[in-house]
Protein backbone atom coordinates (compact mmCIF):
# COMPACT_ATOMS: atom_id res chain seq x y z
CA MET A 1 -0.05 -0.21 0.57
CA GLU A 2 3.06 2.37 0.74
CA THR A 3 4.26 2.33 -3.20
CA LEU A 4 0.46 3.05 -3.92
CA LEU A 5 0.27 6.06 -2.40
CA PRO A 6 2.85 8.22 -4.49
CA SER A 7 0.56 7.50 -7.27
CA LEU A 8 -2.88 8.55 -6.23
CA PHE A 9 -1.15 11.52 -5.09
CA LEU A 10 0.07 12.37 -8.25
CA LEU A 11 -3.23 11.28 -9.68
CA ALA A 12 -5.32 13.73 -7.72
CA LEU A 13 -2.61 16.46 -7.86
CA LEU A 14 -3.13 15.94 -11.80
CA ASP A 15 -6.88 15.60 -11.31
CA SER A 16 -7.12 18.98 -9.18
CA LEU A 17 -5.63 21.02 -11.77
CA ASN A 18 -9.14 20.80 -14.21
CA PRO A 19 -9.92 23.75 -16.20
CA SER A 20 -13.16 23.97 -16.21
CA ALA A 21 -13.60 23.55 -12.57
CA LEU A 22 -11.12 26.32 -11.67
CA VAL A 23 -12.65 28.57 -14.25
CA VAL A 24 -15.97 28.43 -12.12
CA ALA A 25 -14.10 28.94 -8.89
CA LEU A 26 -12.46 31.98 -10.54
CA TRP A 27 -15.75 32.95 -11.67
CA LEU A 28 -17.67 32.92 -8.14
CA LEU A 29 -14.67 34.91 -6.04
CA SER A 30 -15.13 37.56 -8.63
CA ARG A 31 -18.72 37.61 -7.19
CA PRO A 32 -20.48 39.26 -4.24
CA GLN A 33 -20.11 37.20 -1.37
CA PRO A 34 -17.69 34.51 -2.88
CA ALA A 35 -17.47 31.76 0.55
CA SER A 36 -21.37 31.46 0.02
CA ARG A 37 -21.10 30.56 -3.32
CA LEU A 38 -17.67 28.45 -3.72
CA LEU A 39 -17.82 26.72 -0.31
CA PRO A 40 -21.60 25.27 -1.24
CA TYR A 41 -20.33 24.68 -5.29
CA VAL A 42 -16.98 23.26 -3.82
CA ALA A 43 -19.05 20.83 -1.50
CA GLY A 44 -21.09 19.53 -4.74
CA ILE A 45 -17.75 18.91 -6.27
CA VAL A 46 -17.18 16.41 -3.69
CA ALA A 47 -20.28 14.85 -3.01
CA THR A 48 -20.80 14.12 -7.08
CA TYR A 49 -16.70 12.51 -7.76
CA LEU A 50 -16.83 10.69 -3.47
CA SER A 51 -20.18 8.98 -4.32
CA LEU A 52 -18.97 8.14 -8.01
CA GLY A 53 -15.71 7.14 -6.47
CA ILE A 54 -17.17 4.23 -3.76
CA ALA A 55 -20.05 3.21 -6.27
CA MET A 56 -16.77 2.55 -8.39
CA MET A 57 -15.33 0.70 -6.32
CA LEU A 58 -18.01 -1.33 -4.60
CA GLY A 59 -18.86 -2.48 -8.13
CA PHE A 60 -15.68 -3.15 -9.64
CA THR A 61 -14.51 -4.88 -6.18
CA ALA A 62 -17.21 -7.13 -6.59
CA LEU A 63 -16.45 -7.37 -10.69
CA SER A 64 -13.03 -8.16 -9.98
CA GLN A 65 -13.90 -10.93 -7.23
CA ARG A 66 -16.15 -13.00 -9.74
CA LEU A 67 -13.73 -12.33 -12.59
CA GLY A 68 -10.33 -13.98 -10.09
CA GLN A 69 -7.31 -13.87 -12.47
CA ALA A 70 -9.43 -13.03 -15.47
CA LEU A 71 -8.07 -9.20 -15.43
CA ASP A 72 -4.00 -10.24 -15.37
CA HIS A 73 -4.54 -12.13 -18.58
CA PRO A 74 -2.81 -11.42 -21.87
CA VAL A 75 -5.66 -10.29 -23.94
CA ALA A 76 -7.29 -8.35 -21.01
CA LEU A 77 -3.63 -6.81 -20.88
CA ILE A 78 -3.49 -6.38 -24.41
CA VAL A 79 -6.12 -4.67 -24.50
CA GLN A 80 -5.30 -2.02 -21.86
CA GLY A 81 -2.34 -1.70 -23.35
CA VAL A 82 -4.60 -0.69 -27.00
CA LEU A 83 -6.53 1.38 -24.92
CA GLY A 84 -4.21 3.48 -23.16
CA ALA A 85 -2.01 4.24 -26.62
CA ALA A 86 -5.03 4.87 -28.27
CA LEU A 87 -5.80 7.23 -25.55
CA LEU A 88 -2.09 8.53 -26.24
CA VAL A 89 -2.33 8.75 -29.95
CA TYR A 90 -5.68 10.69 -29.53
CA ALA A 91 -3.72 13.66 -27.79
CA ILE A 92 -1.34 13.87 -30.12
CA PHE A 93 -3.39 13.73 -32.84
CA ALA A 94 -6.54 14.96 -31.68
CA PRO A 95 -8.35 18.33 -33.81
CA SER A 96 -6.26 21.55 -33.77
CA THR A 97 -10.26 22.85 -33.17
CA ALA A 98 -10.35 26.01 -30.57
CA HIS A 99 -12.12 24.98 -27.49
CA ALA A 100 -12.47 27.06 -24.40
CA ALA A 101 -14.47 26.44 -21.14
CA PRO A 102 -17.93 28.09 -21.35
CA GLU A 103 -18.68 30.86 -18.53
CA PRO A 104 -20.76 29.36 -15.94
CA LYS A 105 -24.59 30.76 -15.47
CA LEU A 106 -25.59 32.46 -12.46
CA PRO A 107 -27.72 29.49 -10.43
CA ALA A 108 -31.55 30.97 -11.35
CA THR A 109 -32.49 30.21 -7.12
CA GLY A 110 -29.19 32.18 -5.93
CA LYS A 111 -28.83 30.63 -2.57
CA ARG A 112 -26.35 27.63 -1.22
CA LEU A 113 -28.15 24.99 -3.07
CA GLY A 114 -28.31 26.40 -6.51
CA PHE A 115 -24.33 26.37 -6.32
CA PHE A 116 -24.05 22.53 -4.99
CA LEU A 117 -26.52 21.65 -7.90
CA LEU A 118 -23.62 23.79 -9.92
CA GLY A 119 -20.62 22.05 -8.39
CA MET A 120 -22.69 18.82 -9.15
CA ALA A 121 -23.65 19.62 -12.71
CA VAL A 122 -19.94 20.65 -13.76
CA THR A 123 -18.03 17.65 -12.27
CA ALA A 124 -21.22 15.64 -13.82
CA ALA A 125 -20.35 17.02 -16.78
CA GLU A 126 -16.18 17.11 -16.46
CA LEU A 127 -16.05 13.19 -16.26
CA VAL A 128 -14.74 12.05 -19.76
CA THR A 129 -11.87 14.36 -18.25
CA ALA A 130 -11.71 12.22 -14.90
CA LEU A 131 -9.21 9.84 -16.30
CA PRO A 132 -7.29 10.05 -13.50
CA TYR A 133 -9.57 9.11 -10.80
CA PHE A 134 -10.44 6.04 -12.52
CA ALA A 135 -6.50 5.34 -12.50
CA ALA A 136 -6.46 5.99 -9.28
CA ILE A 137 -9.53 3.54 -8.67
CA ALA A 138 -7.71 0.99 -10.64
CA LEU A 139 -5.04 1.19 -9.04
CA MET A 140 -6.93 0.85 -5.94
CA ILE A 141 -8.88 -2.01 -7.13
CA SER A 142 -5.69 -3.94 -8.21
CA ASP A 143 -3.97 -3.66 -5.10
CA LYS A 144 -6.90 -5.46 -3.19
CA LEU A 145 -7.92 -3.28 -0.64
CA GLY A 146 -10.44 -3.57 1.74
CA PRO A 147 -13.36 -0.78 2.31
CA ALA A 148 -11.36 0.19 5.34
CA GLN A 149 -8.31 0.43 3.46
CA TRP A 150 -9.63 2.35 0.48
CA LEU A 151 -12.23 4.64 2.06
CA PRO A 152 -9.84 7.27 3.74
CA LEU A 153 -7.40 7.26 0.67
CA LEU A 154 -10.58 8.89 -1.54
CA LEU A 155 -11.43 10.74 0.70
CA GLY A 156 -7.88 12.19 0.51
CA TYR A 157 -7.79 11.82 -3.13
CA ASN A 158 -11.08 13.95 -3.28
CA LEU A 159 -9.83 16.82 -0.62
CA ILE A 160 -6.41 17.15 -2.96
CA PHE A 161 -8.75 17.01 -5.62
CA VAL A 162 -10.56 20.30 -4.24
CA ALA A 163 -7.62 22.19 -3.06
CA PRO A 164 -7.22 24.81 -5.54
CA PRO A 165 -10.38 26.32 -5.30
CA LEU A 166 -9.80 26.52 -1.20
CA LEU A 167 -6.54 27.81 -2.19
CA LEU A 168 -8.28 30.19 -4.51
CA LEU A 169 -10.35 31.05 -1.87
CA GLY A 170 -7.64 31.84 1.10
CA LEU A 171 -5.66 33.93 -1.41
CA HIS A 172 -8.90 36.02 -2.00
CA ALA A 173 -9.36 36.49 1.89
CA VAL A 174 -5.93 37.62 1.74
CA LEU A 175 -5.71 40.13 -0.91
CA GLY A 176 -9.65 41.50 -1.02
CA GLN A 177 -10.34 43.27 -4.50
CA ARG A 178 -6.76 43.67 -5.40
CA SER A 179 -6.96 39.70 -6.48
CA ASP A 180 -10.15 40.34 -9.15
CA GLU A 181 -7.67 41.67 -11.72
CA ARG A 182 -5.21 38.50 -11.77
CA PHE A 183 -8.35 36.06 -10.66
CA ALA A 184 -9.82 37.63 -14.33
CA ARG A 185 -5.94 36.90 -16.50
CA TRP A 186 -6.20 33.56 -15.13
CA ARG A 187 -9.67 33.19 -15.48
CA GLU A 188 -9.46 33.75 -19.22
CA ARG A 189 -5.80 32.08 -19.30
CA LEU A 190 -7.67 28.44 -18.28
CA ARG A 191 -10.60 29.39 -20.55
CA ARG A 192 -8.10 29.30 -23.41
CA GLY A 193 -5.98 26.65 -22.31
CA ALA A 194 -9.03 24.13 -21.53
CA ARG A 195 -8.53 21.87 -24.08
CA GLU A 196 -4.86 21.70 -23.89
CA ALA A 197 -5.17 20.26 -20.85
CA THR A 198 -7.28 17.71 -21.17
CA LEU A 199 -5.42 16.61 -24.39
CA TRP A 200 -2.53 16.49 -21.59
CA ILE A 201 -4.39 14.50 -19.32
CA PHE A 202 -5.47 12.05 -21.73
CA ALA A 203 -1.77 11.61 -22.94
CA LEU A 204 -0.29 11.12 -19.36
CA VAL A 205 -3.57 8.68 -18.71
CA GLY A 206 -2.73 6.43 -21.82
CA VAL A 207 1.16 6.58 -20.65
CA ALA A 208 -0.09 5.27 -17.36
CA LEU A 209 -2.39 2.52 -19.06
CA MET A 210 0.32 1.06 -21.11
CA GLY A 211 2.87 1.08 -18.68
CA ASP A 212 0.97 -0.53 -16.12
CA ALA A 213 -0.15 -3.04 -18.71
CA ALA A 214 3.67 -4.30 -19.34
CA THR A 215 4.64 -4.09 -16.26
CA ARG A 216 2.00 -6.83 -15.16
CA TRP A 217 3.20 -8.67 -18.37
CA ILE A 218 6.52 -8.72 -17.28
CA ALA A 219 5.35 -9.83 -14.15
CA ALA A 220 3.62 -12.25 -15.35
CA GLY A 221 5.93 -14.14 -17.89
CA LYS A 222 8.79 -13.61 -14.83
CA ASP A 223 6.09 -15.71 -12.78
CA ALA A 224 6.02 -18.31 -15.63
CA ALA A 225 9.34 -19.37 -16.30
CA THR A 226 10.23 -19.78 -12.52
CA PRO A 227 10.15 -23.14 -11.99
CA SER A 228 8.62 -24.71 -8.83
CA ILE A 229 10.49 -26.07 -6.46
CA SER A 230 9.35 -29.64 -5.51
CA THR A 231 10.15 -31.44 -1.82
CA GLN A 232 11.72 -34.27 -2.22
CA PRO A 233 12.74 -36.28 0.74
CA GLY A 234 15.58 -37.20 1.63
CA ALA A 235 17.48 -40.23 2.34
CA SER A 236 17.74 -42.00 5.33
């Protein structure tokens, strides 16, 4: 499990740099009473992401127990490697159509529930970029962790995931209106760079999938090549 922690931390850190979520956070910080808007928004993100993670861990853990060693079968490893290669190729050769994160719309209710639902909606809409999260869940399942082990890891992952908006809120609390112009520049850069950031995520997860498949393939080959040691009775 100790070897799993650095990988989960790096995946969570990569996942936290979601341009669309940060654009919305910076936009909320430019509105009056930002804390009363941003905190429910972050709570909506955590509620959605954590619920999805728990559901996936419970479902895929049960599935992996039924499949047994099928996930380590050479065919399964080839499929995983091909999927990783496809993500990497797409990230490199994706069409150069400009894409920017859209400006969010103010919730109709104007209350905390509206911003909570906004966080849920943004998270659901950006699930296609949640590949680091899916990779982290796959790593925890492959390590055969029990709920008492993977639930704290999942909570920690989500705390890292929402750390940037909270850090921005703290920075806004310290700097006040002096941060407005800087946040506006950051928001515009993130909107323009949303496509590139998404492609980087695709590429990194693709490399991770290929690397994991290759590592498990090599390990399986070594296990198969290792002769079994039989105990022979000694001569009396």
